[in-house]
N, C-alpha and C. Protein backbone atom coordinates (compact mmCIF):
# COMPACT_ATOMS: atom_id res chain seq x y z
N MET A 1 -131.46 -104.83 59.54
CA MET A 1 -132.88 -104.78 59.17
C MET A 1 -133.00 -104.06 57.85
N GLY A 2 -133.58 -104.61 56.84
CA GLY A 2 -133.68 -104.06 55.50
C GLY A 2 -134.64 -102.90 55.44
N ALA A 3 -134.42 -102.08 54.42
CA ALA A 3 -135.28 -100.90 54.23
C ALA A 3 -136.65 -101.35 53.76
N GLN A 4 -137.65 -100.66 54.24
CA GLN A 4 -139.02 -100.96 53.87
C GLN A 4 -139.32 -100.39 52.50
N PRO A 5 -140.19 -101.05 51.76
CA PRO A 5 -140.54 -100.56 50.42
C PRO A 5 -141.04 -99.12 50.44
N GLY A 6 -141.73 -98.75 51.48
CA GLY A 6 -142.24 -97.38 51.57
C GLY A 6 -141.12 -96.37 51.71
N ASP A 7 -140.09 -96.73 52.49
CA ASP A 7 -138.96 -95.82 52.69
C ASP A 7 -138.20 -95.63 51.38
N VAL A 8 -138.00 -96.70 50.64
CA VAL A 8 -137.29 -96.62 49.37
C VAL A 8 -138.04 -95.74 48.39
N GLN A 9 -139.35 -95.95 48.37
CA GLN A 9 -140.17 -95.16 47.44
C GLN A 9 -140.13 -93.69 47.81
N SER A 10 -140.14 -93.41 49.13
CA SER A 10 -140.09 -92.01 49.59
C SER A 10 -138.78 -91.36 49.20
N ALA A 11 -137.69 -92.11 49.33
CA ALA A 11 -136.37 -91.59 48.97
C ALA A 11 -136.29 -91.33 47.48
N LEU A 12 -136.87 -92.25 46.69
CA LEU A 12 -136.86 -92.06 45.24
C LEU A 12 -137.68 -90.84 44.84
N ASP A 13 -138.78 -90.66 45.56
CA ASP A 13 -139.61 -89.50 45.24
C ASP A 13 -138.87 -88.19 45.53
N ARG A 14 -138.17 -88.16 46.65
CA ARG A 14 -137.42 -86.95 46.99
C ARG A 14 -136.29 -86.68 45.97
N LEU A 15 -135.61 -87.76 45.56
CA LEU A 15 -134.53 -87.63 44.58
C LEU A 15 -135.08 -87.14 43.25
N SER A 16 -136.23 -87.67 42.89
CA SER A 16 -136.86 -87.26 41.63
C SER A 16 -137.27 -85.79 41.69
N GLN A 17 -137.74 -85.37 42.87
CA GLN A 17 -138.14 -83.98 43.04
C GLN A 17 -136.93 -83.05 42.92
N ILE A 18 -135.79 -83.48 43.52
CA ILE A 18 -134.58 -82.67 43.46
C ILE A 18 -134.09 -82.55 42.03
N ILE A 19 -134.14 -83.69 41.32
CA ILE A 19 -133.63 -83.70 39.94
C ILE A 19 -134.52 -82.86 39.03
N ASN A 20 -135.78 -82.92 39.24
CA ASN A 20 -136.72 -82.20 38.37
C ASN A 20 -136.87 -80.73 38.72
N THR A 21 -136.35 -80.30 39.88
CA THR A 21 -136.45 -78.90 40.27
C THR A 21 -135.39 -78.09 39.52
N PRO A 22 -135.74 -77.00 38.79
CA PRO A 22 -134.76 -76.18 38.06
C PRO A 22 -133.70 -75.64 39.02
N PHE A 23 -132.43 -75.61 38.57
CA PHE A 23 -131.33 -75.23 39.47
C PHE A 23 -131.45 -73.79 39.94
N TRP A 24 -132.13 -72.93 39.12
CA TRP A 24 -132.24 -71.53 39.55
C TRP A 24 -133.25 -71.32 40.66
N TRP A 25 -133.99 -72.43 41.00
CA TRP A 25 -134.90 -72.34 42.13
C TRP A 25 -134.21 -72.70 43.44
N ARG A 26 -132.98 -73.15 43.29
CA ARG A 26 -132.27 -73.63 44.48
C ARG A 26 -131.51 -72.47 45.14
N GLY A 27 -131.58 -72.42 46.45
CA GLY A 27 -130.94 -71.32 47.19
C GLY A 27 -129.44 -71.32 47.08
N ASP A 28 -128.82 -72.52 47.07
CA ASP A 28 -127.37 -72.55 47.01
C ASP A 28 -126.84 -72.00 45.69
N PHE A 29 -127.68 -72.16 44.61
CA PHE A 29 -127.26 -71.61 43.33
C PHE A 29 -127.17 -70.08 43.42
N TRP A 30 -128.20 -69.47 43.99
CA TRP A 30 -128.21 -68.01 44.08
C TRP A 30 -127.15 -67.50 45.05
N ILE A 31 -126.89 -68.25 46.09
CA ILE A 31 -125.83 -67.84 47.01
C ILE A 31 -124.48 -67.82 46.29
N ALA A 32 -124.22 -68.91 45.55
CA ALA A 32 -122.95 -68.98 44.80
C ALA A 32 -122.88 -67.90 43.72
N THR A 33 -124.04 -67.65 43.07
CA THR A 33 -124.08 -66.63 42.03
C THR A 33 -123.80 -65.25 42.59
N VAL A 34 -124.45 -64.93 43.69
CA VAL A 34 -124.25 -63.63 44.32
C VAL A 34 -122.79 -63.47 44.75
N ILE A 35 -122.23 -64.51 45.34
CA ILE A 35 -120.83 -64.45 45.77
C ILE A 35 -119.91 -64.22 44.57
N GLY A 36 -120.21 -64.92 43.47
CA GLY A 36 -119.40 -64.77 42.26
C GLY A 36 -119.49 -63.36 41.69
N ILE A 37 -120.73 -62.80 41.66
CA ILE A 37 -120.90 -61.45 41.13
C ILE A 37 -120.19 -60.42 42.00
N VAL A 38 -120.34 -60.58 43.31
CA VAL A 38 -119.67 -59.66 44.23
C VAL A 38 -118.16 -59.74 44.06
N GLY A 39 -117.65 -60.96 43.93
CA GLY A 39 -116.21 -61.13 43.73
C GLY A 39 -115.74 -60.48 42.44
N ALA A 40 -116.54 -60.64 41.37
CA ALA A 40 -116.17 -60.03 40.09
C ALA A 40 -116.19 -58.51 40.18
N LEU A 41 -117.20 -57.96 40.87
CA LEU A 41 -117.27 -56.50 41.03
C LEU A 41 -116.09 -55.98 41.84
N ILE A 42 -115.73 -56.71 42.87
CA ILE A 42 -114.58 -56.29 43.68
C ILE A 42 -113.30 -56.32 42.84
N ALA A 43 -113.14 -57.40 42.06
CA ALA A 43 -111.95 -57.51 41.21
C ALA A 43 -111.92 -56.40 40.17
N PHE A 44 -113.08 -56.09 39.58
CA PHE A 44 -113.15 -55.03 38.57
C PHE A 44 -112.82 -53.68 39.19
N GLY A 45 -113.38 -53.45 40.39
CA GLY A 45 -113.09 -52.20 41.08
C GLY A 45 -111.60 -52.06 41.40
N ALA A 46 -111.00 -53.18 41.84
CA ALA A 46 -109.58 -53.15 42.15
C ALA A 46 -108.76 -52.88 40.89
N TRP A 47 -109.19 -53.47 39.77
CA TRP A 47 -108.47 -53.26 38.50
C TRP A 47 -108.55 -51.80 38.05
N ARG A 48 -109.76 -51.23 38.17
CA ARG A 48 -109.93 -49.82 37.79
C ARG A 48 -109.11 -48.92 38.72
N GLN A 49 -109.11 -49.25 39.99
CA GLN A 49 -108.35 -48.45 40.96
C GLN A 49 -106.86 -48.52 40.65
N ALA A 50 -106.40 -49.71 40.30
CA ALA A 50 -104.99 -49.87 39.97
C ALA A 50 -104.65 -49.08 38.71
N GLY A 51 -105.56 -49.13 37.72
CA GLY A 51 -105.32 -48.37 36.49
C GLY A 51 -105.30 -46.88 36.76
N ARG A 52 -106.22 -46.42 37.62
CA ARG A 52 -106.27 -45.00 37.96
C ARG A 52 -105.00 -44.58 38.71
N ALA A 53 -104.56 -45.44 39.61
CA ALA A 53 -103.35 -45.14 40.38
C ALA A 53 -102.13 -45.10 39.46
N GLU A 54 -102.09 -46.02 38.50
CA GLU A 54 -100.98 -46.04 37.55
C GLU A 54 -100.97 -44.77 36.69
N ALA A 55 -102.17 -44.36 36.25
CA ALA A 55 -102.27 -43.14 35.43
C ALA A 55 -101.84 -41.91 36.24
N GLU A 56 -102.27 -41.85 37.51
CA GLU A 56 -101.90 -40.72 38.35
C GLU A 56 -100.39 -40.71 38.62
N ALA A 57 -99.83 -41.93 38.80
CA ALA A 57 -98.39 -42.02 39.03
C ALA A 57 -97.62 -41.54 37.80
N LYS A 58 -98.09 -41.91 36.61
CA LYS A 58 -97.44 -41.48 35.37
C LYS A 58 -97.55 -39.97 35.21
N LYS A 59 -98.74 -39.44 35.53
CA LYS A 59 -98.93 -37.99 35.43
C LYS A 59 -98.02 -37.26 36.40
N ALA A 60 -97.91 -37.79 37.62
CA ALA A 60 -97.04 -37.17 38.62
C ALA A 60 -95.58 -37.21 38.16
N LYS A 61 -95.19 -38.33 37.54
CA LYS A 61 -93.82 -38.45 37.04
C LYS A 61 -93.56 -37.44 35.93
N ASP A 62 -94.55 -37.31 35.02
CA ASP A 62 -94.41 -36.35 33.93
C ASP A 62 -94.30 -34.92 34.46
N GLU A 63 -95.12 -34.60 35.45
CA GLU A 63 -95.08 -33.26 36.04
C GLU A 63 -93.73 -33.02 36.73
N ALA A 64 -93.21 -34.07 37.38
CA ALA A 64 -91.91 -33.93 38.04
C ALA A 64 -90.81 -33.69 37.02
N GLU A 65 -90.89 -34.40 35.88
CA GLU A 65 -89.90 -34.21 34.82
C GLU A 65 -89.98 -32.79 34.26
N LYS A 66 -91.21 -32.31 34.05
CA LYS A 66 -91.38 -30.95 33.55
C LYS A 66 -90.83 -29.93 34.54
N ALA A 67 -91.11 -30.16 35.82
CA ALA A 67 -90.61 -29.24 36.84
C ALA A 67 -89.08 -29.26 36.88
N LYS A 68 -88.51 -30.45 36.72
CA LYS A 68 -87.05 -30.57 36.71
C LYS A 68 -86.46 -29.83 35.52
N ASP A 69 -87.07 -30.02 34.36
CA ASP A 69 -86.58 -29.34 33.15
C ASP A 69 -86.72 -27.82 33.30
N ALA A 70 -87.86 -27.40 33.86
CA ALA A 70 -88.07 -25.97 34.04
C ALA A 70 -87.04 -25.38 35.00
N ALA A 71 -86.74 -26.14 36.06
CA ALA A 71 -85.73 -25.67 37.03
C ALA A 71 -84.36 -25.58 36.38
N THR A 72 -84.06 -26.56 35.52
CA THR A 72 -82.77 -26.55 34.82
C THR A 72 -82.66 -25.34 33.90
N GLU A 73 -83.73 -25.09 33.14
CA GLU A 73 -83.74 -23.95 32.23
C GLU A 73 -83.65 -22.64 33.01
N ALA A 74 -84.38 -22.60 34.14
CA ALA A 74 -84.34 -21.38 34.96
C ALA A 74 -82.93 -21.16 35.52
N GLY A 75 -82.27 -22.26 35.90
CA GLY A 75 -80.91 -22.15 36.39
C GLY A 75 -79.97 -21.62 35.32
N LYS A 76 -80.17 -22.09 34.08
CA LYS A 76 -79.35 -21.59 32.97
C LYS A 76 -79.59 -20.11 32.75
N THR A 77 -80.86 -19.72 32.84
CA THR A 77 -81.21 -18.31 32.63
C THR A 77 -80.53 -17.42 33.66
N VAL A 78 -80.63 -17.82 34.93
CA VAL A 78 -80.02 -17.03 36.00
C VAL A 78 -78.51 -16.95 35.81
N LYS A 79 -77.90 -18.09 35.45
CA LYS A 79 -76.46 -18.12 35.27
C LYS A 79 -76.03 -17.19 34.13
N LEU A 80 -76.74 -17.27 33.01
CA LEU A 80 -76.39 -16.41 31.88
C LEU A 80 -76.61 -14.94 32.20
N GLN A 81 -77.65 -14.66 32.96
CA GLN A 81 -77.90 -13.26 33.35
C GLN A 81 -76.76 -12.73 34.21
N THR A 82 -76.26 -13.58 35.11
CA THR A 82 -75.13 -13.18 35.95
C THR A 82 -73.88 -12.95 35.10
N VAL A 83 -73.65 -13.84 34.14
CA VAL A 83 -72.49 -13.69 33.25
C VAL A 83 -72.61 -12.41 32.43
N CYS A 84 -73.81 -12.11 31.96
CA CYS A 84 -74.02 -10.88 31.18
C CYS A 84 -73.69 -9.64 32.00
N ILE A 85 -74.05 -9.66 33.27
CA ILE A 85 -73.74 -8.53 34.15
C ILE A 85 -72.23 -8.39 34.30
N ASP A 86 -71.54 -9.53 34.49
CA ASP A 86 -70.07 -9.49 34.63
C ASP A 86 -69.42 -8.95 33.35
N LEU A 87 -69.89 -9.43 32.20
CA LEU A 87 -69.31 -8.99 30.93
C LEU A 87 -69.54 -7.49 30.70
N THR A 88 -70.73 -7.04 31.08
CA THR A 88 -71.03 -5.62 30.92
C THR A 88 -70.10 -4.76 31.77
N GLU A 89 -69.83 -5.20 32.99
CA GLU A 89 -68.93 -4.45 33.87
C GLU A 89 -67.51 -4.42 33.30
N ILE A 90 -67.07 -5.55 32.73
CA ILE A 90 -65.74 -5.60 32.13
C ILE A 90 -65.66 -4.66 30.93
N ALA A 91 -66.69 -4.70 30.09
CA ALA A 91 -66.70 -3.85 28.89
C ALA A 91 -66.66 -2.38 29.27
N GLN A 92 -67.33 -2.00 30.34
CA GLN A 92 -67.36 -0.60 30.76
C GLN A 92 -65.97 -0.12 31.20
N LYS A 93 -65.19 -1.02 31.79
CA LYS A 93 -63.86 -0.64 32.26
C LYS A 93 -62.91 -0.32 31.11
N ILE A 94 -63.11 -0.96 29.96
CA ILE A 94 -62.18 -0.75 28.84
C ILE A 94 -62.83 0.06 27.71
N ALA A 95 -64.02 0.57 27.98
CA ALA A 95 -64.73 1.33 26.93
C ALA A 95 -63.96 2.58 26.55
N VAL A 96 -63.37 3.23 27.53
CA VAL A 96 -62.63 4.47 27.27
C VAL A 96 -61.32 4.40 28.04
N ILE A 97 -60.21 4.54 27.33
CA ILE A 97 -58.92 4.60 28.02
C ILE A 97 -58.36 6.02 27.88
N GLU A 98 -57.61 6.42 28.87
CA GLU A 98 -57.10 7.79 28.92
C GLU A 98 -55.99 7.99 27.88
N LEU A 99 -55.94 9.18 27.33
CA LEU A 99 -54.91 9.51 26.35
C LEU A 99 -53.52 9.38 26.96
N GLU A 100 -53.42 9.71 28.25
CA GLU A 100 -52.11 9.69 28.92
C GLU A 100 -51.81 8.33 29.55
N ILE A 101 -52.49 7.28 29.16
CA ILE A 101 -52.27 5.98 29.78
C ILE A 101 -50.81 5.55 29.61
N THR A 102 -50.23 5.05 30.68
CA THR A 102 -48.84 4.62 30.64
C THR A 102 -48.77 3.14 30.28
N PHE A 103 -47.57 2.71 29.99
CA PHE A 103 -47.37 1.29 29.65
C PHE A 103 -47.79 0.41 30.82
N GLU A 104 -47.38 0.80 32.04
CA GLU A 104 -47.71 0.01 33.22
C GLU A 104 -49.22 -0.08 33.43
N GLU A 105 -49.90 1.04 33.22
CA GLU A 105 -51.36 1.05 33.36
C GLU A 105 -52.02 0.18 32.30
N ALA A 106 -51.48 0.22 31.08
CA ALA A 106 -52.04 -0.61 30.01
C ALA A 106 -51.83 -2.09 30.30
N VAL A 107 -50.64 -2.42 30.82
CA VAL A 107 -50.35 -3.82 31.18
C VAL A 107 -51.34 -4.30 32.24
N TYR A 108 -51.53 -3.48 33.27
CA TYR A 108 -52.45 -3.87 34.34
C TYR A 108 -53.88 -4.01 33.81
N LEU A 109 -54.31 -3.05 33.00
CA LEU A 109 -55.68 -3.07 32.47
C LEU A 109 -55.91 -4.30 31.59
N LEU A 110 -54.94 -4.59 30.73
CA LEU A 110 -55.10 -5.75 29.86
C LEU A 110 -55.05 -7.05 30.65
N SER A 111 -54.15 -7.14 31.60
CA SER A 111 -54.04 -8.35 32.42
C SER A 111 -55.32 -8.58 33.24
N ASP A 112 -55.79 -7.50 33.87
CA ASP A 112 -57.01 -7.60 34.67
C ASP A 112 -58.21 -7.97 33.80
N THR A 113 -58.30 -7.36 32.62
CA THR A 113 -59.41 -7.65 31.70
C THR A 113 -59.35 -9.09 31.22
N SER A 114 -58.16 -9.56 30.85
CA SER A 114 -58.00 -10.94 30.38
C SER A 114 -58.37 -11.93 31.47
N ARG A 115 -57.89 -11.68 32.67
CA ARG A 115 -58.17 -12.60 33.78
C ARG A 115 -59.67 -12.72 34.03
N HIS A 116 -60.36 -11.59 34.07
CA HIS A 116 -61.80 -11.61 34.32
C HIS A 116 -62.57 -12.26 33.17
N LEU A 117 -62.15 -11.96 31.95
CA LEU A 117 -62.86 -12.52 30.80
C LEU A 117 -62.70 -14.03 30.72
N TYR A 118 -61.50 -14.51 30.91
CA TYR A 118 -61.28 -15.96 30.87
C TYR A 118 -62.04 -16.68 31.98
N ARG A 119 -62.10 -16.06 33.14
CA ARG A 119 -62.85 -16.66 34.25
C ARG A 119 -64.34 -16.74 33.92
N VAL A 120 -64.88 -15.64 33.39
CA VAL A 120 -66.31 -15.60 33.06
C VAL A 120 -66.63 -16.57 31.92
N MET A 121 -65.80 -16.57 30.88
CA MET A 121 -66.07 -17.44 29.74
C MET A 121 -65.95 -18.92 30.09
N ALA A 122 -65.13 -19.23 31.08
CA ALA A 122 -64.98 -20.62 31.50
C ALA A 122 -66.22 -21.14 32.22
N SER A 123 -67.08 -20.24 32.66
CA SER A 123 -68.26 -20.65 33.43
C SER A 123 -69.48 -20.94 32.56
N VAL A 124 -69.35 -20.75 31.25
CA VAL A 124 -70.49 -21.01 30.36
C VAL A 124 -70.11 -22.11 29.38
N PRO A 125 -71.10 -22.87 28.87
CA PRO A 125 -70.81 -23.93 27.90
C PRO A 125 -70.30 -23.33 26.59
N GLU A 126 -69.06 -23.63 26.25
CA GLU A 126 -68.44 -23.00 25.09
C GLU A 126 -69.15 -23.36 23.79
N GLU A 127 -69.76 -24.57 23.75
CA GLU A 127 -70.40 -24.98 22.50
C GLU A 127 -71.56 -24.07 22.11
N ASP A 128 -72.16 -23.41 23.08
CA ASP A 128 -73.27 -22.49 22.78
C ASP A 128 -72.78 -21.16 22.21
N PHE A 129 -71.54 -20.78 22.52
CA PHE A 129 -71.03 -19.47 22.10
C PHE A 129 -69.60 -19.60 21.57
N ARG A 130 -69.33 -20.68 20.88
CA ARG A 130 -67.96 -21.00 20.47
C ARG A 130 -67.31 -19.88 19.67
N GLU A 131 -67.98 -19.40 18.64
CA GLU A 131 -67.39 -18.39 17.77
C GLU A 131 -67.18 -17.06 18.49
N ALA A 132 -68.17 -16.67 19.29
CA ALA A 132 -68.06 -15.40 20.00
C ALA A 132 -66.93 -15.44 21.02
N ILE A 133 -66.79 -16.56 21.71
CA ILE A 133 -65.71 -16.71 22.70
C ILE A 133 -64.36 -16.71 22.00
N ALA A 134 -64.28 -17.37 20.85
CA ALA A 134 -63.03 -17.39 20.08
C ALA A 134 -62.65 -15.98 19.64
N SER A 135 -63.64 -15.16 19.29
CA SER A 135 -63.37 -13.78 18.88
C SER A 135 -62.80 -12.96 20.03
N VAL A 136 -63.35 -13.18 21.22
CA VAL A 136 -62.84 -12.46 22.40
C VAL A 136 -61.40 -12.85 22.67
N LYS A 137 -61.10 -14.15 22.61
CA LYS A 137 -59.75 -14.63 22.87
C LYS A 137 -58.76 -14.07 21.83
N THR A 138 -59.18 -14.03 20.58
CA THR A 138 -58.32 -13.48 19.53
C THR A 138 -58.04 -12.00 19.77
N ALA A 139 -59.07 -11.25 20.16
CA ALA A 139 -58.90 -9.82 20.45
C ALA A 139 -57.94 -9.61 21.61
N LEU A 140 -58.01 -10.46 22.61
CA LEU A 140 -57.09 -10.36 23.74
C LEU A 140 -55.65 -10.65 23.31
N GLN A 141 -55.47 -11.65 22.48
CA GLN A 141 -54.14 -11.99 22.00
C GLN A 141 -53.55 -10.87 21.13
N ASN A 142 -54.39 -10.26 20.30
CA ASN A 142 -53.93 -9.15 19.47
C ASN A 142 -53.50 -7.96 20.33
N ALA A 143 -54.26 -7.71 21.39
CA ALA A 143 -53.91 -6.61 22.28
C ALA A 143 -52.59 -6.89 22.99
N GLN A 144 -52.39 -8.15 23.37
CA GLN A 144 -51.14 -8.52 24.04
C GLN A 144 -49.95 -8.32 23.10
N THR A 145 -50.12 -8.71 21.85
CA THR A 145 -49.06 -8.53 20.86
C THR A 145 -48.77 -7.06 20.62
N SER A 146 -49.83 -6.27 20.52
CA SER A 146 -49.66 -4.83 20.29
C SER A 146 -48.99 -4.14 21.46
N LEU A 147 -49.28 -4.63 22.67
CA LEU A 147 -48.69 -4.02 23.86
C LEU A 147 -47.18 -4.24 23.89
N LYS A 148 -46.75 -5.37 23.37
CA LYS A 148 -45.31 -5.65 23.35
C LYS A 148 -44.56 -4.66 22.46
N GLU A 149 -45.29 -4.13 21.49
CA GLU A 149 -44.65 -3.19 20.57
C GLU A 149 -44.32 -1.85 21.22
N VAL A 150 -44.94 -1.56 22.33
CA VAL A 150 -44.67 -0.28 23.01
C VAL A 150 -43.99 -0.51 24.35
N THR A 151 -43.33 -1.65 24.48
CA THR A 151 -42.60 -1.92 25.71
C THR A 151 -41.45 -0.93 25.86
N PRO A 152 -41.36 -0.24 26.98
CA PRO A 152 -40.28 0.76 27.16
C PRO A 152 -38.90 0.12 27.01
N THR A 153 -37.99 0.83 26.34
CA THR A 153 -36.63 0.32 26.13
C THR A 153 -35.63 0.99 27.04
N GLY A 154 -36.07 2.05 27.71
CA GLY A 154 -35.14 2.78 28.58
C GLY A 154 -34.44 3.90 27.86
N VAL A 155 -34.67 4.01 26.56
CA VAL A 155 -34.06 5.08 25.78
C VAL A 155 -35.14 6.07 25.39
N GLU A 156 -35.06 7.27 25.88
CA GLU A 156 -36.12 8.25 25.69
C GLU A 156 -36.36 8.59 24.22
N SER A 157 -35.29 8.50 23.41
CA SER A 157 -35.45 8.85 22.01
C SER A 157 -36.03 7.72 21.16
N SER A 158 -36.25 6.58 21.81
CA SER A 158 -36.80 5.45 21.07
C SER A 158 -38.21 5.76 20.60
N PRO A 159 -38.58 5.29 19.38
CA PRO A 159 -39.95 5.52 18.88
C PRO A 159 -41.01 5.00 19.83
N SER A 160 -40.66 3.92 20.57
CA SER A 160 -41.65 3.35 21.50
C SER A 160 -41.91 4.27 22.67
N ALA A 161 -41.07 5.26 22.86
CA ALA A 161 -41.26 6.19 23.96
C ALA A 161 -41.92 7.47 23.49
N GLY A 162 -42.49 7.46 22.28
CA GLY A 162 -43.14 8.63 21.72
C GLY A 162 -44.34 9.06 22.54
N LEU A 163 -44.72 10.33 22.38
CA LEU A 163 -45.83 10.89 23.14
C LEU A 163 -47.12 10.13 22.85
N HIS A 164 -47.78 9.66 23.89
CA HIS A 164 -49.05 8.94 23.80
C HIS A 164 -48.98 7.68 22.92
N SER A 165 -47.79 7.12 22.79
CA SER A 165 -47.64 5.95 21.92
C SER A 165 -48.43 4.75 22.44
N VAL A 166 -48.50 4.63 23.75
CA VAL A 166 -49.26 3.50 24.32
C VAL A 166 -50.74 3.63 23.97
N TYR A 167 -51.23 4.85 24.12
CA TYR A 167 -52.66 5.08 23.81
C TYR A 167 -52.94 4.78 22.34
N TYR A 168 -52.16 5.37 21.45
CA TYR A 168 -52.43 5.22 20.02
C TYR A 168 -52.24 3.76 19.55
N ASN A 169 -51.39 3.04 20.24
CA ASN A 169 -51.15 1.65 19.86
C ASN A 169 -52.19 0.70 20.43
N MET A 170 -52.85 1.11 21.51
CA MET A 170 -53.74 0.19 22.21
C MET A 170 -55.22 0.55 22.11
N VAL A 171 -55.55 1.78 21.76
CA VAL A 171 -56.94 2.20 21.81
C VAL A 171 -57.83 1.34 20.91
N ASP A 172 -57.35 1.04 19.69
CA ASP A 172 -58.18 0.23 18.80
C ASP A 172 -58.23 -1.23 19.25
N LYS A 173 -57.18 -1.69 19.94
CA LYS A 173 -57.16 -3.07 20.44
C LYS A 173 -58.15 -3.25 21.58
N PHE A 174 -58.19 -2.25 22.47
CA PHE A 174 -59.19 -2.32 23.55
C PHE A 174 -60.60 -2.17 22.99
N ALA A 175 -60.73 -1.37 21.95
CA ALA A 175 -62.04 -1.21 21.32
C ALA A 175 -62.49 -2.53 20.69
N ALA A 176 -61.55 -3.26 20.10
CA ALA A 176 -61.88 -4.56 19.50
C ALA A 176 -62.33 -5.55 20.57
N ILE A 177 -61.62 -5.53 21.70
CA ILE A 177 -62.02 -6.40 22.82
C ILE A 177 -63.43 -6.04 23.27
N ASN A 178 -63.67 -4.73 23.40
CA ASN A 178 -64.98 -4.25 23.84
C ASN A 178 -66.08 -4.71 22.89
N ASN A 179 -65.82 -4.60 21.60
CA ASN A 179 -66.83 -5.01 20.61
C ASN A 179 -67.13 -6.51 20.69
N CYS A 180 -66.08 -7.30 20.84
CA CYS A 180 -66.27 -8.75 20.93
C CYS A 180 -67.02 -9.13 22.21
N VAL A 181 -66.69 -8.46 23.30
CA VAL A 181 -67.39 -8.73 24.57
C VAL A 181 -68.86 -8.33 24.45
N SER A 182 -69.12 -7.22 23.80
CA SER A 182 -70.51 -6.77 23.61
C SER A 182 -71.30 -7.77 22.76
N GLN A 183 -70.64 -8.29 21.74
CA GLN A 183 -71.31 -9.29 20.89
C GLN A 183 -71.63 -10.55 21.69
N LEU A 184 -70.67 -11.00 22.50
CA LEU A 184 -70.90 -12.18 23.34
C LEU A 184 -72.03 -11.93 24.33
N THR A 185 -72.05 -10.73 24.91
CA THR A 185 -73.12 -10.37 25.85
C THR A 185 -74.48 -10.40 25.17
N GLY A 186 -74.54 -9.85 23.95
CA GLY A 186 -75.80 -9.85 23.22
C GLY A 186 -76.30 -11.25 22.92
N LEU A 187 -75.40 -12.15 22.55
CA LEU A 187 -75.78 -13.53 22.28
C LEU A 187 -76.32 -14.21 23.53
N MET A 188 -75.67 -13.94 24.65
CA MET A 188 -76.12 -14.53 25.91
C MET A 188 -77.48 -13.97 26.33
N GLU A 189 -77.67 -12.69 26.12
CA GLU A 189 -78.97 -12.10 26.44
C GLU A 189 -80.07 -12.70 25.57
N SER A 190 -79.76 -12.97 24.30
CA SER A 190 -80.72 -13.61 23.41
C SER A 190 -81.03 -15.02 23.88
N LYS A 191 -79.99 -15.73 24.33
CA LYS A 191 -80.19 -17.09 24.84
C LYS A 191 -81.04 -17.06 26.10
N THR A 192 -80.78 -16.07 26.95
CA THR A 192 -81.58 -15.92 28.17
C THR A 192 -83.05 -15.71 27.83
N TYR A 193 -83.30 -14.90 26.80
CA TYR A 193 -84.69 -14.64 26.37
C TYR A 193 -85.33 -15.93 25.87
N ASP A 194 -84.56 -16.72 25.12
CA ASP A 194 -85.10 -17.99 24.61
C ASP A 194 -85.47 -18.92 25.75
N TYR A 195 -84.58 -19.02 26.76
CA TYR A 195 -84.87 -19.86 27.91
C TYR A 195 -86.13 -19.38 28.62
N GLY A 196 -86.22 -18.07 28.84
CA GLY A 196 -87.37 -17.51 29.55
C GLY A 196 -88.66 -17.74 28.79
N ARG A 197 -88.62 -17.62 27.46
CA ARG A 197 -89.82 -17.82 26.65
C ARG A 197 -90.27 -19.27 26.72
N ARG A 198 -89.32 -20.21 26.70
CA ARG A 198 -89.67 -21.63 26.80
C ARG A 198 -90.30 -21.93 28.15
N ASP A 199 -89.74 -21.30 29.21
CA ASP A 199 -90.32 -21.51 30.55
C ASP A 199 -91.75 -21.00 30.60
N ALA A 200 -92.00 -19.86 29.96
CA ALA A 200 -93.34 -19.26 29.98
C ALA A 200 -94.34 -20.10 29.19
N GLU A 201 -93.86 -20.82 28.19
CA GLU A 201 -94.74 -21.63 27.36
C GLU A 201 -95.08 -22.98 27.99
N ARG A 202 -94.36 -23.34 29.05
CA ARG A 202 -94.62 -24.64 29.70
C ARG A 202 -95.97 -24.63 30.42
């Protein structure tokens, strides 16, 4: 059964009304618009949140690096302070030697001093104190050479068996060792101060 002329005209009128109605008057337009705006706001918020999280993560990483560096510097400071204490104790032992020191006592004192100094110096980075450490080693070698000059020969009339010969031959050598150790200690104390000042400035 064919469509009636009235029905066709009614359909055309409705179509014409739809076409002539501005799209912003239509509900589906505003629904889609609102959904689009909400979606854009959500996406923008997520982007800002991601940026904020990234910035916070970078800040946390930077703080962790600073804390790590500070801990490293603090560890160096503590280590150098411990070494300074050891060096000071060694220097005190050889600061004054007795006039009546015997060859055997001098051998023991020099051996004990050398052993402790080499152990302590091996625990610090030599590149930071290369010259001072070299001076200590040279002073130890000179003392060892000088000690050989007063080695007992078993003959009482020998010049090496002279009264207080060990003392007179070794006193300046032990003094040289003491001076070099003191210089090394002073350099380390200065380095410790530098580390501490950098930590305080962080």
